[in-house]
N, C-alpha and C. Protein backbone atom coordinates (compact mmCIF):
# COMPACT_ATOMS: atom_id res chain seq x y z
N MET A 1 217.77 48.41 34.31
CA MET A 1 218.87 49.14 32.96
C MET A 1 219.80 50.13 34.12
N ASN A 2 221.16 49.68 34.31
CA ASN A 2 221.99 50.16 35.07
C ASN A 2 223.08 51.83 34.26
N SER A 3 223.43 52.05 34.90
CA SER A 3 224.14 53.68 34.52
C SER A 3 225.15 53.34 33.39
N GLN A 4 225.93 52.15 33.29
CA GLN A 4 226.51 51.78 32.30
C GLN A 4 225.91 51.50 30.71
N ASP A 5 224.62 51.24 30.61
CA ASP A 5 223.80 51.05 29.71
C ASP A 5 223.37 52.07 29.27
N THR A 6 222.93 52.86 30.61
CA THR A 6 222.30 54.13 29.98
C THR A 6 223.28 55.53 29.26
N ASP A 7 224.67 55.14 29.83
CA ASP A 7 225.70 56.06 29.30
C ASP A 7 226.21 55.80 27.58
N ARG A 8 225.78 54.17 27.74
CA ARG A 8 226.23 53.69 26.11
C ARG A 8 224.71 53.86 25.23
N GLN A 9 223.87 53.76 25.73
CA GLN A 9 222.22 54.42 25.14
C GLN A 9 222.41 56.03 24.82
N TYR A 10 223.09 56.47 25.27
CA TYR A 10 223.32 57.99 24.97
C TYR A 10 224.41 58.36 25.01
N ALA A 11 225.29 57.68 24.83
CA ALA A 11 226.53 57.79 24.18
C ALA A 11 227.09 58.86 23.14
N ASP A 12 225.92 58.91 21.81
CA ASP A 12 226.69 60.02 20.83
C ASP A 12 225.72 60.90 20.82
N ILE A 13 224.82 61.34 21.86
CA ILE A 13 224.63 62.79 22.24
C ILE A 13 224.75 63.37 23.48
N ILE A 14 225.29 62.99 24.23
CA ILE A 14 225.92 63.18 25.62
C ILE A 14 226.54 64.60 25.61
N ASP A 15 227.32 64.60 24.76
CA ASP A 15 228.45 65.73 24.61
C ASP A 15 228.23 66.77 23.72
N LEU A 16 227.14 66.66 23.15
CA LEU A 16 226.38 67.82 22.23
C LEU A 16 226.45 69.09 22.90
N PRO A 17 226.65 70.43 22.20
CA PRO A 17 226.39 71.37 22.80
C PRO A 17 224.79 71.72 23.24
N HIS A 18 224.22 72.41 24.18
CA HIS A 18 222.76 72.74 24.08
C HIS A 18 222.08 73.33 23.34
N HIS A 19 221.36 73.00 22.80
CA HIS A 19 220.67 73.75 21.48
C HIS A 19 220.09 75.27 21.93
N VAL A 20 220.23 76.08 21.45
CA VAL A 20 219.56 77.13 21.20
C VAL A 20 218.78 77.95 19.69
N SER A 21 217.36 78.10 20.20
CA SER A 21 216.71 78.45 19.08
C SER A 21 217.13 79.71 18.38
N ALA A 22 217.42 79.53 17.10
CA ALA A 22 217.34 81.28 16.44
C ALA A 22 216.05 81.67 16.23
N SER A 23 214.99 81.07 16.28
CA SER A 23 213.59 81.73 15.94
C SER A 23 212.56 81.64 16.91
N HIS A 24 213.05 81.38 18.27
CA HIS A 24 212.26 81.36 19.54
C HIS A 24 213.29 82.33 20.63
N PRO A 25 212.95 83.24 21.19
CA PRO A 25 213.84 83.57 22.17
C PRO A 25 213.51 82.77 23.21
N GLN A 26 214.36 82.84 24.00
CA GLN A 26 214.25 81.89 25.50
C GLN A 26 213.39 82.24 26.50
N MET A 27 212.85 81.43 27.27
CA MET A 27 211.70 81.64 28.13
C MET A 27 212.38 82.60 29.56
N SER A 28 211.53 83.35 29.65
CA SER A 28 212.28 84.07 31.23
C SER A 28 212.20 82.91 32.24
N MET A 29 213.13 82.88 33.28
CA MET A 29 212.70 82.15 34.35
C MET A 29 211.46 82.16 35.23
N TRP A 30 210.90 83.50 34.73
CA TRP A 30 210.02 83.67 35.56
C TRP A 30 208.52 82.79 35.13
N ASN A 31 208.82 82.92 33.81
CA ASN A 31 207.63 82.42 32.85
C ASN A 31 207.74 81.28 33.07
N ARG A 32 209.09 80.51 33.19
CA ARG A 32 209.33 78.81 33.33
C ARG A 32 208.61 78.32 34.32
N ALA A 33 208.77 78.86 35.67
CA ALA A 33 208.45 78.68 36.80
C ALA A 33 206.67 78.27 36.92
N ALA A 34 206.39 79.64 36.23
CA ALA A 34 204.62 79.59 36.22
C ALA A 34 204.08 78.20 35.63
N GLN A 35 205.04 78.16 34.69
CA GLN A 35 204.47 76.81 34.39
C GLN A 35 204.46 75.41 34.96
N PHE A 36 205.02 75.31 35.84
CA PHE A 36 204.91 74.48 37.41
C PHE A 36 204.61 74.74 38.43
N ALA A 37 203.93 76.04 38.64
CA ALA A 37 203.20 77.04 39.43
C ALA A 37 201.89 75.92 40.44
N PRO A 38 201.63 76.06 41.42
CA PRO A 38 200.32 74.87 41.78
C PRO A 38 198.97 75.91 40.90
N PHE A 39 198.02 75.50 40.67
CA PHE A 39 196.97 76.10 40.18
C PHE A 39 195.72 75.67 41.14
N ALA A 40 194.57 76.30 41.21
CA ALA A 40 193.46 76.15 41.41
C ALA A 40 192.38 75.28 40.35
N ALA A 41 192.52 73.89 40.92
CA ALA A 41 191.82 73.05 39.92
C ALA A 41 190.51 73.15 40.53
N LEU A 42 189.84 73.69 41.63
CA LEU A 42 188.73 73.71 42.00
C LEU A 42 188.29 75.08 42.41
N ASN A 43 188.12 75.89 41.21
CA ASN A 43 187.80 77.02 41.77
C ASN A 43 186.60 77.36 42.59
N GLY A 44 187.02 78.33 43.58
CA GLY A 44 186.02 78.58 44.72
C GLY A 44 185.86 77.62 45.99
N PHE A 45 186.75 76.58 45.68
CA PHE A 45 186.77 75.60 47.02
C PHE A 45 187.29 75.84 48.36
N GLU A 46 188.31 76.61 48.30
CA GLU A 46 189.04 77.42 49.51
C GLU A 46 187.65 78.43 50.42
N GLU A 47 187.06 79.32 49.31
CA GLU A 47 186.30 80.20 49.86
C GLU A 47 184.75 79.15 50.08
N ALA A 48 184.40 78.08 49.54
CA ALA A 48 183.42 77.26 50.01
C ALA A 48 183.60 76.80 51.30
N ILE A 49 184.80 76.66 51.32
CA ILE A 49 185.17 75.56 52.76
C ILE A 49 185.09 76.70 54.18
N ARG A 50 185.57 78.16 53.91
CA ARG A 50 185.47 78.89 55.07
C ARG A 50 184.52 79.08 55.04
N GLU A 51 183.42 79.42 53.74
CA GLU A 51 181.90 79.78 54.32
C GLU A 51 181.18 78.56 55.02
N THR A 52 181.82 77.46 55.23
CA THR A 52 180.88 75.91 55.60
C THR A 52 181.90 76.28 56.90
N GLU A 53 182.89 76.31 57.21
CA GLU A 53 183.66 76.47 58.72
C GLU A 53 182.43 77.81 59.64
N GLN A 54 182.03 78.75 59.19
CA GLN A 54 181.28 79.60 59.65
C GLN A 54 180.52 79.40 60.31
N LYS A 55 179.73 78.60 59.46
CA LYS A 55 177.91 78.16 59.59
C LYS A 55 178.17 77.26 61.15
N PRO A 56 177.07 77.48 61.91
CA PRO A 56 176.91 76.60 63.18
C PRO A 56 176.48 75.46 62.81
N LEU A 57 176.78 74.67 63.38
CA LEU A 57 176.37 73.52 63.88
C LEU A 57 174.88 73.14 64.38
N THR A 58 174.04 72.63 63.67
CA THR A 58 172.81 72.18 64.25
C THR A 58 172.35 70.98 64.08
N PRO A 59 171.93 70.39 65.00
CA PRO A 59 171.47 69.13 65.47
C PRO A 59 170.46 68.58 64.37
């Protein structure tokens, strides 16, 4: 799909004004950013790695 096809596909909505909800307040930039912030998928993983690093190697 090239840009002309895309332009035609969305021609009916491309110039519409941005919707602003009357019932839901706009989310703050801080809260929006928090949605995309990294998270610890493996809780305690970093701590376990640090503990393992501290253990002496035994043959």
